[in-house]
């Protein structure tokens, strides 16, 4: 594998986990923990990207719910609507540069407005490591 020709489409997860605005925060947290993700895209009923929700977004709502012993709200109450996404045709080096910053750790992969996958720091580091192992003489 050569990073010179490696694109998001080559390493992204095609079975993207995403939630809807009316998904309960509890169900969202369960989905994130089961999949070991720090966040998830939020989609409308047609699969179009409309937001993103992260553990950081969810924590204050969970703390408040735990303190007051009340049901947490829906994802729509905590999601971010200014969402960064990537294209399946983006080069992984460009995505790696973006992921070298503190946030985000997960990017929705969007084509024609619809979520077709996700890419995480794990995907990027795994691909770069594999490329390095091939390139370095033993």
Protein backbone atom coordinates (compact mmCIF):
# COMPACT_ATOMS: atom_id res chain seq x y z
CA UNK A 1 0.00 0.00 0.00
CA UNK A 2 1.34 3.40 -0.90
CA UNK A 3 -0.06 6.49 0.82
CA UNK A 4 0.53 8.35 -2.42
CA UNK A 5 -2.52 6.61 -3.82
CA UNK A 6 -4.49 5.87 -0.67
CA UNK A 7 -7.81 7.62 -0.34
CA UNK A 8 -10.50 7.79 2.31
CA UNK A 9 -12.63 5.32 0.30
CA UNK A 10 -9.85 2.72 0.67
CA UNK A 11 -9.83 2.65 4.47
CA UNK A 12 -13.14 4.10 5.73
CA UNK A 13 -15.71 2.10 7.61
CA UNK A 14 -18.65 1.56 5.31
CA UNK A 15 -20.99 0.42 8.06
CA UNK A 16 -21.13 3.86 9.59
CA UNK A 17 -22.89 4.25 12.88
CA UNK A 18 -25.06 7.33 12.92
CA UNK A 19 -27.98 8.58 14.94
CA UNK A 20 -31.03 10.70 14.32
CA UNK A 21 -31.93 13.97 16.08
CA UNK A 22 -34.69 12.20 18.00
CA UNK A 23 -32.39 9.40 19.22
CA UNK A 24 -32.24 9.46 22.99
CA UNK A 25 -28.91 10.40 24.51
CA UNK A 26 -28.90 7.09 26.38
CA UNK A 27 -29.30 5.09 23.15
CA UNK A 28 -26.61 7.21 21.51
CA UNK A 29 -24.17 6.57 24.37
CA UNK A 30 -24.89 2.84 24.22
CA UNK A 31 -24.16 2.83 20.48
CA UNK A 32 -20.96 4.81 20.90
CA UNK A 33 -19.65 2.59 23.69
CA UNK A 34 -20.53 -0.64 21.85
CA UNK A 35 -18.61 0.57 18.81
CA UNK A 36 -15.86 2.30 20.83
CA UNK A 37 -16.44 5.60 19.04
CA UNK A 38 -15.94 9.07 20.52
CA UNK A 39 -18.79 10.49 18.43
CA UNK A 40 -21.25 9.91 15.63
CA UNK A 41 -22.81 11.74 12.71
CA UNK A 42 -26.43 12.82 13.01
CA UNK A 43 -28.56 12.18 9.94
CA UNK A 44 -32.05 12.99 8.76
CA UNK A 45 -34.35 10.14 7.74
CA UNK A 46 -32.84 10.13 4.22
CA UNK A 47 -29.28 9.69 5.51
CA UNK A 48 -28.20 13.28 4.88
CA UNK A 49 -25.64 14.68 7.32
CA UNK A 50 -27.23 17.33 9.57
CA UNK A 51 -25.01 17.26 12.64
CA UNK A 52 -22.50 15.50 14.85
CA UNK A 53 -22.62 14.43 18.47
CA UNK A 54 -19.55 13.62 20.55
CA UNK A 55 -18.92 12.30 24.02
CA UNK A 56 -17.88 15.84 24.93
CA UNK A 57 -21.31 17.13 23.78
CA UNK A 58 -23.12 14.42 25.71
CA UNK A 59 -21.27 14.57 29.05
CA UNK A 60 -22.92 17.74 30.43
CA UNK A 61 -26.40 16.38 29.66
CA UNK A 62 -25.57 13.06 31.32
CA UNK A 63 -24.17 14.78 34.40
CA UNK A 64 -27.25 16.96 34.71
CA UNK A 65 -29.55 13.98 34.27
CA UNK A 66 -27.66 11.95 36.85
CA UNK A 67 -27.68 14.84 39.33
CA UNK A 68 -31.41 15.50 38.97
CA UNK A 69 -32.34 11.84 38.38
CA UNK A 70 -34.15 12.65 35.18
CA UNK A 71 -34.20 11.22 31.68
CA UNK A 72 -31.63 12.87 29.39
CA UNK A 73 -32.92 14.66 26.32
CA UNK A 74 -32.58 13.72 22.68
CA UNK A 75 -29.45 14.07 20.57
CA UNK A 76 -30.91 17.21 18.94
CA UNK A 77 -30.48 19.07 22.22
CA UNK A 78 -26.68 18.57 22.29
CA UNK A 79 -25.53 17.94 18.71
CA UNK A 80 -23.28 20.29 16.77
CA UNK A 81 -24.63 21.51 13.45
CA UNK A 82 -21.42 22.98 12.06
CA UNK A 83 -19.98 19.62 10.98
CA UNK A 84 -16.68 18.82 9.33
CA UNK A 85 -16.91 15.97 6.86
CA UNK A 86 -14.68 14.39 4.25
CA UNK A 87 -15.14 12.98 0.77
CA UNK A 88 -14.34 9.39 -0.18
CA UNK A 89 -11.93 10.90 -2.74
CA UNK A 90 -9.88 12.82 -0.16
CA UNK A 91 -6.28 11.69 0.32
CA UNK A 92 -5.50 10.16 3.72
CA UNK A 93 -2.46 12.39 4.26
CA UNK A 94 -4.75 15.44 4.19
CA UNK A 95 -7.12 13.79 6.66
CA UNK A 96 -4.17 12.78 8.86
CA UNK A 97 -3.07 16.43 9.00
CA UNK A 98 -6.58 17.44 10.10
CA UNK A 99 -6.66 14.65 12.70
CA UNK A 100 -3.31 15.69 14.14
CA UNK A 101 -5.22 18.54 15.77
CA UNK A 102 -7.04 17.87 19.08
CA UNK A 103 -10.46 17.51 17.44
CA UNK A 104 -12.24 15.87 15.71
CA UNK A 105 -11.32 12.22 15.95
CA UNK A 106 -14.12 11.00 13.68
CA UNK A 107 -15.21 12.38 10.35
CA UNK A 108 -18.38 11.44 8.50
CA UNK A 109 -17.64 10.46 4.92
CA UNK A 110 -20.19 12.19 2.74
CA UNK A 111 -21.01 11.82 -0.93
CA UNK A 112 -23.76 13.91 -2.51
CA UNK A 113 -24.86 15.01 0.96
CA UNK A 114 -25.42 11.49 2.27
CA UNK A 115 -23.39 9.66 4.89
CA UNK A 116 -21.65 6.69 3.26
CA UNK A 117 -19.18 5.88 6.02
CA UNK A 118 -16.93 7.21 8.74
CA UNK A 119 -13.20 7.51 9.14
CA UNK A 120 -11.44 7.65 12.48
CA UNK A 121 -7.93 8.23 13.75
CA UNK A 122 -7.70 4.46 14.12
CA UNK A 123 -8.29 3.97 10.37
CA UNK A 124 -5.67 6.58 9.50
CA UNK A 125 -2.99 5.35 11.92
CA UNK A 126 -3.53 1.73 10.87
CA UNK A 127 -3.15 2.64 7.16
CA UNK A 128 -0.06 4.77 7.77
CA UNK A 129 1.55 2.05 9.90
CA UNK A 130 0.90 -0.56 7.21
CA UNK A 131 2.43 1.75 4.61
CA UNK A 132 5.45 2.36 6.82
CA UNK A 133 5.99 -1.37 7.38
CA UNK A 134 5.99 -1.94 3.63
CA UNK A 135 8.31 0.99 2.92
CA UNK A 136 10.93 0.29 5.61
CA UNK A 137 13.52 -2.38 4.74
CA UNK A 138 13.77 -5.16 7.28
